[in-house]
N, C-alpha and C. Protein backbone atom coordinates (compact mmCIF):
# COMPACT_ATOMS: atom_id res chain seq x y z
N MET A 1 17.52 -9.65 -10.75
CA MET A 1 16.40 -9.03 -11.31
C MET A 1 16.26 -7.58 -10.71
N ASN A 2 16.21 -6.50 -11.43
CA ASN A 2 15.85 -5.17 -10.99
C ASN A 2 14.42 -5.01 -10.74
N LEU A 3 14.00 -3.80 -10.04
CA LEU A 3 12.85 -3.42 -9.80
C LEU A 3 11.92 -3.40 -10.84
N ALA A 4 12.31 -2.64 -11.99
CA ALA A 4 11.56 -2.51 -13.18
C ALA A 4 11.17 -3.88 -13.83
N GLU A 5 12.15 -4.89 -13.75
CA GLU A 5 11.84 -6.10 -14.28
C GLU A 5 10.75 -6.97 -13.53
N LYS A 6 10.88 -6.75 -12.14
CA LYS A 6 9.85 -7.47 -11.21
C LYS A 6 8.59 -6.88 -11.50
N ILE A 7 8.54 -5.53 -11.67
CA ILE A 7 7.20 -4.93 -11.92
C ILE A 7 6.64 -5.22 -13.21
N LYS A 8 7.35 -5.44 -14.23
CA LYS A 8 7.09 -6.01 -15.55
C LYS A 8 6.47 -7.31 -15.35
N GLU A 9 7.11 -8.21 -14.61
CA GLU A 9 6.46 -9.50 -14.44
C GLU A 9 5.24 -9.42 -13.66
N LEU A 10 4.98 -8.61 -12.63
CA LEU A 10 3.73 -8.39 -11.98
C LEU A 10 2.59 -7.99 -13.10
N HIS A 11 2.93 -6.95 -13.95
CA HIS A 11 2.04 -6.64 -14.88
C HIS A 11 1.63 -7.73 -16.04
N ALA A 12 2.47 -8.65 -16.06
CA ALA A 12 2.27 -9.80 -17.03
C ALA A 12 1.46 -10.79 -16.39
N SER A 13 1.20 -10.69 -15.01
CA SER A 13 0.51 -11.76 -14.33
C SER A 13 -1.00 -11.49 -14.51
N LYS A 14 -1.77 -12.56 -13.75
CA LYS A 14 -3.20 -12.43 -13.83
C LYS A 14 -3.80 -11.53 -12.74
N TYR A 15 -2.75 -11.09 -11.82
CA TYR A 15 -3.27 -10.29 -10.58
C TYR A 15 -3.61 -8.84 -10.83
N LYS A 16 -4.70 -8.36 -10.42
CA LYS A 16 -5.10 -6.97 -10.34
C LYS A 16 -5.28 -6.49 -8.86
N PHE A 17 -5.07 -5.12 -8.91
CA PHE A 17 -5.18 -4.59 -7.43
C PHE A 17 -5.54 -3.09 -7.40
N VAL A 18 -5.92 -2.71 -6.40
CA VAL A 18 -6.10 -1.33 -6.12
C VAL A 18 -5.08 -1.08 -5.04
N ILE A 19 -4.36 0.08 -5.20
CA ILE A 19 -3.40 0.33 -4.21
C ILE A 19 -3.68 1.61 -3.74
N VAL A 20 -3.39 1.85 -2.33
CA VAL A 20 -3.72 3.08 -1.44
C VAL A 20 -2.47 3.35 -0.75
N SER A 21 -2.01 4.58 -0.88
CA SER A 21 -0.61 4.88 -0.34
C SER A 21 -0.78 6.29 0.44
N SER A 22 -0.34 6.38 1.67
CA SER A 22 -0.39 7.60 2.40
C SER A 22 0.85 7.88 2.80
N GLY A 23 1.37 9.37 3.03
CA GLY A 23 2.56 9.60 3.47
C GLY A 23 3.68 9.30 2.47
N GLY A 24 4.84 8.95 3.00
CA GLY A 24 6.04 8.81 2.18
C GLY A 24 5.94 7.66 1.23
N GLY A 25 5.06 6.72 1.35
CA GLY A 25 5.00 5.49 0.51
C GLY A 25 4.50 5.84 -0.80
N SER A 26 4.12 7.10 -1.02
CA SER A 26 3.37 7.38 -2.36
C SER A 26 4.19 7.15 -3.50
N ASN A 27 5.49 7.24 -3.46
CA ASN A 27 6.46 6.83 -4.60
C ASN A 27 6.21 5.56 -5.16
N ALA A 28 5.72 4.76 -4.40
CA ALA A 28 5.52 3.34 -4.90
C ALA A 28 4.48 3.29 -6.02
N ILE A 29 3.46 4.23 -5.97
CA ILE A 29 2.41 4.17 -7.08
C ILE A 29 3.13 4.63 -8.28
N ALA A 30 4.01 5.55 -8.14
CA ALA A 30 4.72 6.10 -9.42
C ALA A 30 5.54 5.06 -10.08
N SER A 31 6.30 4.29 -9.23
CA SER A 31 7.27 3.16 -9.72
C SER A 31 6.29 2.19 -10.34
N LEU A 32 5.11 1.72 -9.97
CA LEU A 32 4.22 0.81 -10.62
C LEU A 32 3.80 1.26 -11.89
N LEU A 33 3.34 2.60 -11.98
CA LEU A 33 2.86 3.21 -13.18
C LEU A 33 3.72 3.54 -14.39
N LYS A 34 5.05 3.73 -14.12
CA LYS A 34 5.96 4.06 -14.94
C LYS A 34 6.34 2.91 -15.90
N VAL A 35 6.20 1.67 -15.47
CA VAL A 35 6.55 0.37 -16.30
C VAL A 35 5.45 0.26 -17.14
N PRO A 36 5.65 0.03 -18.47
CA PRO A 36 4.51 -0.32 -19.32
C PRO A 36 3.88 -1.72 -18.96
N GLY A 37 2.60 -1.58 -19.18
CA GLY A 37 1.74 -2.65 -18.66
C GLY A 37 1.01 -2.40 -17.35
N ALA A 38 0.99 -1.14 -16.72
CA ALA A 38 0.45 -1.01 -15.64
C ALA A 38 -1.15 -1.19 -15.50
N SER A 39 -1.52 -0.64 -16.83
CA SER A 39 -3.12 -0.82 -16.89
C SER A 39 -3.59 -2.33 -16.84
N ASN A 40 -2.77 -3.33 -16.98
CA ASN A 40 -3.07 -4.60 -16.82
C ASN A 40 -3.37 -5.11 -15.46
N THR A 41 -2.82 -4.34 -14.54
CA THR A 41 -2.85 -4.79 -13.17
C THR A 41 -3.47 -3.67 -12.22
N VAL A 42 -2.99 -2.43 -12.33
CA VAL A 42 -3.63 -1.40 -11.43
C VAL A 42 -4.97 -1.04 -11.78
N LEU A 43 -5.87 -1.38 -10.93
CA LEU A 43 -7.22 -1.02 -11.25
C LEU A 43 -7.62 0.32 -10.77
N GLU A 44 -6.83 0.79 -9.69
CA GLU A 44 -6.98 2.34 -9.23
C GLU A 44 -5.96 2.50 -8.21
N ALA A 45 -5.50 3.71 -8.21
CA ALA A 45 -4.34 4.12 -7.37
C ALA A 45 -4.95 5.33 -6.61
N TYR A 46 -4.77 5.35 -5.41
CA TYR A 46 -5.39 6.48 -4.57
C TYR A 46 -4.41 6.98 -3.42
N ILE A 47 -4.38 8.13 -3.32
CA ILE A 47 -3.38 8.87 -2.26
C ILE A 47 -4.03 9.70 -1.41
N PRO A 48 -4.57 9.28 -0.32
CA PRO A 48 -5.22 10.11 0.83
C PRO A 48 -3.97 10.67 1.57
N TYR A 49 -3.40 11.61 1.13
CA TYR A 49 -2.03 12.13 1.60
C TYR A 49 -2.23 12.87 2.83
N ALA A 50 -3.32 13.86 3.05
CA ALA A 50 -3.35 14.67 4.19
C ALA A 50 -4.02 13.81 5.26
N LYS A 51 -4.00 14.02 6.37
CA LYS A 51 -4.67 13.29 7.46
C LYS A 51 -6.18 13.22 7.39
N GLU A 52 -6.68 14.35 6.95
CA GLU A 52 -8.21 14.68 6.78
C GLU A 52 -8.55 13.71 5.62
N SER A 53 -7.75 13.48 4.70
CA SER A 53 -8.05 12.62 3.50
C SER A 53 -8.11 11.08 4.04
N LEU A 54 -7.09 10.80 4.63
CA LEU A 54 -7.10 9.44 5.17
C LEU A 54 -8.06 9.13 6.16
N ASP A 55 -8.61 10.02 6.90
CA ASP A 55 -9.79 9.98 7.90
C ASP A 55 -11.03 9.75 6.98
N PHE A 56 -11.10 10.52 5.96
CA PHE A 56 -12.38 10.31 5.01
C PHE A 56 -12.25 8.95 4.42
N TYR A 57 -11.06 8.41 3.82
CA TYR A 57 -11.09 7.29 3.17
C TYR A 57 -11.31 6.04 4.13
N LEU A 58 -10.85 6.17 5.42
CA LEU A 58 -11.03 5.01 6.44
C LEU A 58 -12.42 5.28 7.11
N MET A 59 -13.10 6.36 6.93
CA MET A 59 -14.34 6.68 7.54
C MET A 59 -14.17 6.76 9.17
N LYS A 60 -12.94 7.02 9.57
CA LYS A 60 -12.77 7.26 10.97
C LYS A 60 -11.18 7.82 11.16
N LYS A 61 -11.10 8.48 12.09
CA LYS A 61 -9.74 9.04 12.43
C LYS A 61 -8.79 7.84 13.03
N PRO A 62 -7.71 7.30 12.51
CA PRO A 62 -7.07 6.19 13.03
C PRO A 62 -6.19 6.61 14.36
N ASP A 63 -5.83 5.64 15.29
CA ASP A 63 -5.08 6.03 16.33
C ASP A 63 -3.73 6.50 15.98
N PHE A 64 -3.16 6.00 14.85
CA PHE A 64 -1.83 6.20 14.44
C PHE A 64 -1.88 6.26 12.93
N TYR A 65 -1.41 7.24 12.26
CA TYR A 65 -1.47 7.23 10.61
C TYR A 65 -0.52 6.24 10.11
N ALA A 66 0.81 6.36 10.48
CA ALA A 66 1.66 5.36 9.91
C ALA A 66 1.82 4.19 10.80
N SER A 67 0.82 3.20 10.75
CA SER A 67 0.88 1.97 11.57
C SER A 67 0.37 0.78 10.97
N LYS A 68 0.65 -0.37 11.50
CA LYS A 68 0.30 -1.73 10.94
C LYS A 68 -1.18 -1.54 10.69
N ASP A 69 -1.97 -1.35 11.78
CA ASP A 69 -3.46 -1.53 11.79
C ASP A 69 -4.04 -0.57 10.85
N THR A 70 -3.36 0.66 10.53
CA THR A 70 -3.98 1.57 9.62
C THR A 70 -3.71 1.10 8.27
N SER A 71 -2.58 0.48 7.93
CA SER A 71 -2.33 -0.15 6.60
C SER A 71 -3.12 -1.33 6.43
N LEU A 72 -3.51 -2.04 7.34
CA LEU A 72 -4.43 -3.35 7.28
C LEU A 72 -5.70 -2.87 6.81
N ARG A 73 -6.19 -1.75 7.51
CA ARG A 73 -7.48 -1.12 7.14
C ARG A 73 -7.60 -0.58 5.91
N MET A 74 -6.62 0.01 5.37
CA MET A 74 -6.44 0.61 4.12
C MET A 74 -6.52 -0.38 3.02
N ALA A 75 -5.78 -1.59 3.32
CA ALA A 75 -5.80 -2.64 2.27
C ALA A 75 -7.08 -3.40 2.17
N ALA A 76 -7.73 -3.49 3.36
CA ALA A 76 -9.04 -4.13 3.40
C ALA A 76 -10.03 -3.33 2.32
N ARG A 77 -10.00 -1.94 2.51
CA ARG A 77 -10.82 -1.18 1.71
C ARG A 77 -10.46 -1.19 0.31
N ALA A 78 -9.19 -1.28 -0.03
CA ALA A 78 -8.66 -1.34 -1.32
C ALA A 78 -9.24 -2.69 -1.93
N TYR A 79 -9.22 -3.74 -1.16
CA TYR A 79 -9.67 -5.12 -1.82
C TYR A 79 -11.04 -4.90 -2.01
N SER A 80 -11.74 -4.36 -1.15
CA SER A 80 -13.22 -4.21 -1.36
C SER A 80 -13.58 -3.20 -2.75
N ALA A 81 -12.72 -2.39 -2.97
CA ALA A 81 -13.00 -1.50 -4.06
C ALA A 81 -12.37 -2.33 -5.36
N ALA A 82 -11.48 -3.25 -5.14
CA ALA A 82 -11.02 -3.99 -6.25
C ALA A 82 -12.12 -4.95 -6.82
N LYS A 83 -12.91 -5.52 -5.88
CA LYS A 83 -13.92 -6.35 -6.13
C LYS A 83 -15.14 -5.61 -6.81
N LYS A 84 -15.34 -4.43 -6.57
CA LYS A 84 -16.30 -3.58 -7.15
C LYS A 84 -15.99 -3.15 -8.41
N ILE A 85 -14.72 -2.73 -8.73
CA ILE A 85 -14.31 -2.43 -9.95
C ILE A 85 -14.15 -3.46 -10.98
N ASP A 86 -13.69 -4.59 -10.64
CA ASP A 86 -13.32 -5.66 -11.49
C ASP A 86 -14.16 -6.98 -11.06
N GLN A 87 -15.38 -7.00 -11.76
CA GLN A 87 -16.30 -8.15 -11.19
C GLN A 87 -16.07 -9.19 -12.23
N GLU A 88 -15.19 -9.20 -13.30
CA GLU A 88 -14.92 -10.32 -14.06
C GLU A 88 -13.85 -11.16 -13.76
N SER A 89 -12.74 -10.72 -13.12
CA SER A 89 -11.59 -11.46 -12.69
C SER A 89 -12.13 -12.50 -11.53
N SER A 90 -11.38 -13.51 -11.33
CA SER A 90 -11.49 -14.33 -10.29
C SER A 90 -10.95 -13.63 -9.09
N LEU A 91 -11.84 -13.92 -7.92
CA LEU A 91 -11.47 -13.20 -6.68
C LEU A 91 -10.01 -13.74 -6.20
N ASN A 92 -9.53 -14.80 -6.65
CA ASN A 92 -8.18 -15.23 -6.19
C ASN A 92 -7.19 -14.40 -6.96
N HIS A 93 -7.61 -13.46 -7.86
CA HIS A 93 -6.51 -12.74 -8.64
C HIS A 93 -6.73 -11.18 -8.27
N LEU A 94 -7.52 -11.02 -7.19
CA LEU A 94 -7.63 -9.52 -6.87
C LEU A 94 -7.06 -9.26 -5.54
N LEU A 95 -6.51 -8.01 -5.42
CA LEU A 95 -5.75 -7.78 -4.15
C LEU A 95 -6.13 -6.30 -3.84
N GLY A 96 -5.94 -5.94 -2.57
CA GLY A 96 -5.85 -4.70 -2.06
C GLY A 96 -4.52 -4.47 -1.31
N VAL A 97 -3.78 -3.48 -1.71
CA VAL A 97 -2.58 -3.13 -1.29
C VAL A 97 -2.44 -1.74 -0.74
N SER A 98 -1.71 -1.69 0.34
CA SER A 98 -1.63 -0.36 0.99
C SER A 98 -0.31 -0.08 1.62
N ILE A 99 0.26 1.16 1.52
CA ILE A 99 1.42 1.58 2.24
C ILE A 99 1.15 2.78 3.10
N THR A 100 1.62 2.78 4.38
CA THR A 100 1.80 4.08 5.15
C THR A 100 3.09 4.12 5.56
N ALA A 101 3.69 5.42 5.56
CA ALA A 101 5.05 5.66 5.86
C ALA A 101 5.12 6.95 6.51
N SER A 102 5.95 6.97 7.37
CA SER A 102 6.39 8.30 8.23
C SER A 102 7.93 8.20 8.03
N LEU A 103 8.44 9.10 7.11
CA LEU A 103 9.88 9.34 6.80
C LEU A 103 10.32 10.58 7.15
N SER A 104 11.50 10.88 6.62
CA SER A 104 12.03 12.22 6.87
C SER A 104 11.22 13.35 6.24
N THR A 105 11.33 14.55 6.85
CA THR A 105 10.44 15.55 6.21
C THR A 105 11.22 17.00 6.77
N THR A 106 10.42 18.05 6.61
CA THR A 106 10.93 19.37 6.79
C THR A 106 10.80 19.73 8.35
N TYR A 107 10.23 19.05 9.00
CA TYR A 107 10.05 19.43 10.46
C TYR A 107 10.50 18.20 11.45
N GLU A 108 10.80 18.53 12.53
CA GLU A 108 11.46 17.38 13.46
C GLU A 108 10.35 16.43 13.71
N LYS A 109 10.66 15.27 13.62
CA LYS A 109 9.60 14.09 13.83
C LYS A 109 9.70 13.69 15.24
N ARG A 110 8.37 13.29 15.69
CA ARG A 110 8.40 13.03 17.13
C ARG A 110 8.65 11.36 17.28
N GLY A 111 8.39 10.74 16.16
CA GLY A 111 8.59 9.21 16.39
C GLY A 111 9.67 8.73 15.29
N ASP A 112 9.71 7.33 15.23
CA ASP A 112 10.60 6.82 14.23
C ASP A 112 10.32 7.13 12.89
N HIS A 113 11.17 6.85 12.06
CA HIS A 113 11.06 6.83 10.64
C HIS A 113 10.63 5.19 10.32
N LYS A 114 9.40 4.96 9.68
CA LYS A 114 8.92 3.63 9.43
C LYS A 114 8.00 3.73 8.30
N PHE A 115 7.83 2.40 7.84
CA PHE A 115 6.72 2.14 6.87
C PHE A 115 6.07 0.82 7.20
N HIS A 116 5.05 0.72 6.74
CA HIS A 116 3.99 -0.43 6.81
C HIS A 116 3.39 -0.73 5.45
N ILE A 117 3.41 -2.02 4.98
CA ILE A 117 2.95 -2.31 3.64
C ILE A 117 1.84 -3.41 4.13
N ALA A 118 0.68 -3.38 3.59
CA ALA A 118 -0.27 -4.45 3.71
C ALA A 118 -0.88 -4.96 2.48
N LEU A 119 -1.30 -6.33 2.58
CA LEU A 119 -1.77 -6.95 1.35
C LEU A 119 -3.11 -7.59 1.91
N GLN A 120 -4.21 -7.49 1.23
CA GLN A 120 -5.41 -8.03 1.50
C GLN A 120 -5.85 -8.96 0.16
N THR A 121 -6.09 -10.23 0.49
CA THR A 121 -6.70 -11.08 -0.50
C THR A 121 -7.96 -11.62 -0.11
N ARG A 122 -8.54 -12.44 -0.70
CA ARG A 122 -9.86 -12.95 -0.37
C ARG A 122 -9.65 -13.76 0.97
N ASP A 123 -8.49 -14.61 1.00
CA ASP A 123 -8.33 -15.42 2.11
C ASP A 123 -7.57 -14.93 3.31
N PHE A 124 -6.74 -13.91 3.09
CA PHE A 124 -5.95 -13.55 4.22
C PHE A 124 -5.47 -12.04 4.11
N SER A 125 -4.92 -11.76 5.28
CA SER A 125 -4.35 -10.25 5.29
C SER A 125 -2.77 -10.36 5.79
N LYS A 126 -2.00 -9.73 5.13
CA LYS A 126 -0.59 -9.84 5.45
C LYS A 126 0.16 -8.47 5.55
N SER A 127 0.97 -8.29 6.54
CA SER A 127 1.64 -6.92 6.65
C SER A 127 3.08 -7.03 6.79
N ILE A 128 3.88 -6.09 6.48
CA ILE A 128 5.22 -6.06 6.58
C ILE A 128 5.51 -4.69 7.20
N SER A 129 6.20 -4.50 8.29
CA SER A 129 6.67 -3.30 8.86
C SER A 129 8.20 -3.13 8.94
N CYS A 130 8.74 -1.88 8.91
CA CYS A 130 10.09 -1.72 8.79
C CYS A 130 10.27 -0.41 9.60
N LYS A 131 11.04 -0.51 10.69
CA LYS A 131 11.38 0.75 11.27
C LYS A 131 13.03 1.14 10.90
N LEU A 132 12.97 2.48 10.50
CA LEU A 132 14.43 3.00 10.31
C LEU A 132 15.06 3.77 11.32
N GLU A 133 16.13 3.51 11.81
CA GLU A 133 16.70 4.21 12.93
C GLU A 133 18.24 4.55 12.64
N LYS A 134 18.43 5.93 12.56
CA LYS A 134 19.76 6.38 12.27
C LYS A 134 20.81 5.55 11.59
N GLY A 135 20.32 5.05 10.33
CA GLY A 135 21.27 4.10 9.52
C GLY A 135 21.06 2.61 9.81
N GLN A 136 20.21 2.26 10.93
CA GLN A 136 19.87 0.92 11.25
C GLN A 136 18.48 0.37 10.79
N ARG A 137 18.32 -0.73 10.32
CA ARG A 137 16.88 -1.06 9.80
C ARG A 137 16.60 -2.35 10.58
N THR A 138 15.42 -2.63 11.08
CA THR A 138 14.94 -3.85 11.49
C THR A 138 13.66 -4.06 10.81
N ARG A 139 13.35 -5.46 10.62
CA ARG A 139 12.21 -5.79 9.97
C ARG A 139 11.31 -6.69 10.71
N GLU A 140 9.98 -6.59 10.73
CA GLU A 140 9.11 -7.29 11.47
C GLU A 140 7.97 -7.71 10.45
N GLU A 141 7.80 -9.08 10.43
CA GLU A 141 6.61 -9.54 9.56
C GLU A 141 5.65 -10.11 10.55
N GLU A 142 4.39 -9.64 10.14
CA GLU A 142 3.11 -10.15 11.00
C GLU A 142 1.99 -10.61 10.05
N GLU A 143 1.33 -11.45 10.62
CA GLU A 143 0.23 -11.93 9.71
C GLU A 143 -1.12 -11.42 10.47
């Protein structure tokens, strides 16, 4: 099954979410929105791209912008927004999703190329982190 088919299945589900993406992960929002049915699942998409915007969104400056902790905080705020936006759906079907990424750019990077994806539900937080190193990938999952 390709990505568009998986997204189509998601749009046909009962789940609804707010997605927040900062840095290199912002293309994920476009991928979700270009598949028909996005309005069935995406309650809101927010891109605090500049550091100042993410500081404002989180109501504080994070220690690291592309980090597991930052992605978890973003997902928690997104979940809170989902509950306020859709008060009719079951809390079991509302999610907060976030992506932070530090990928290749026009200037020399100080750290690794990496991304962090977080999911917040009523009952749990889950994050997935991936570090990209000169053609080599490692994956770490943490709860």
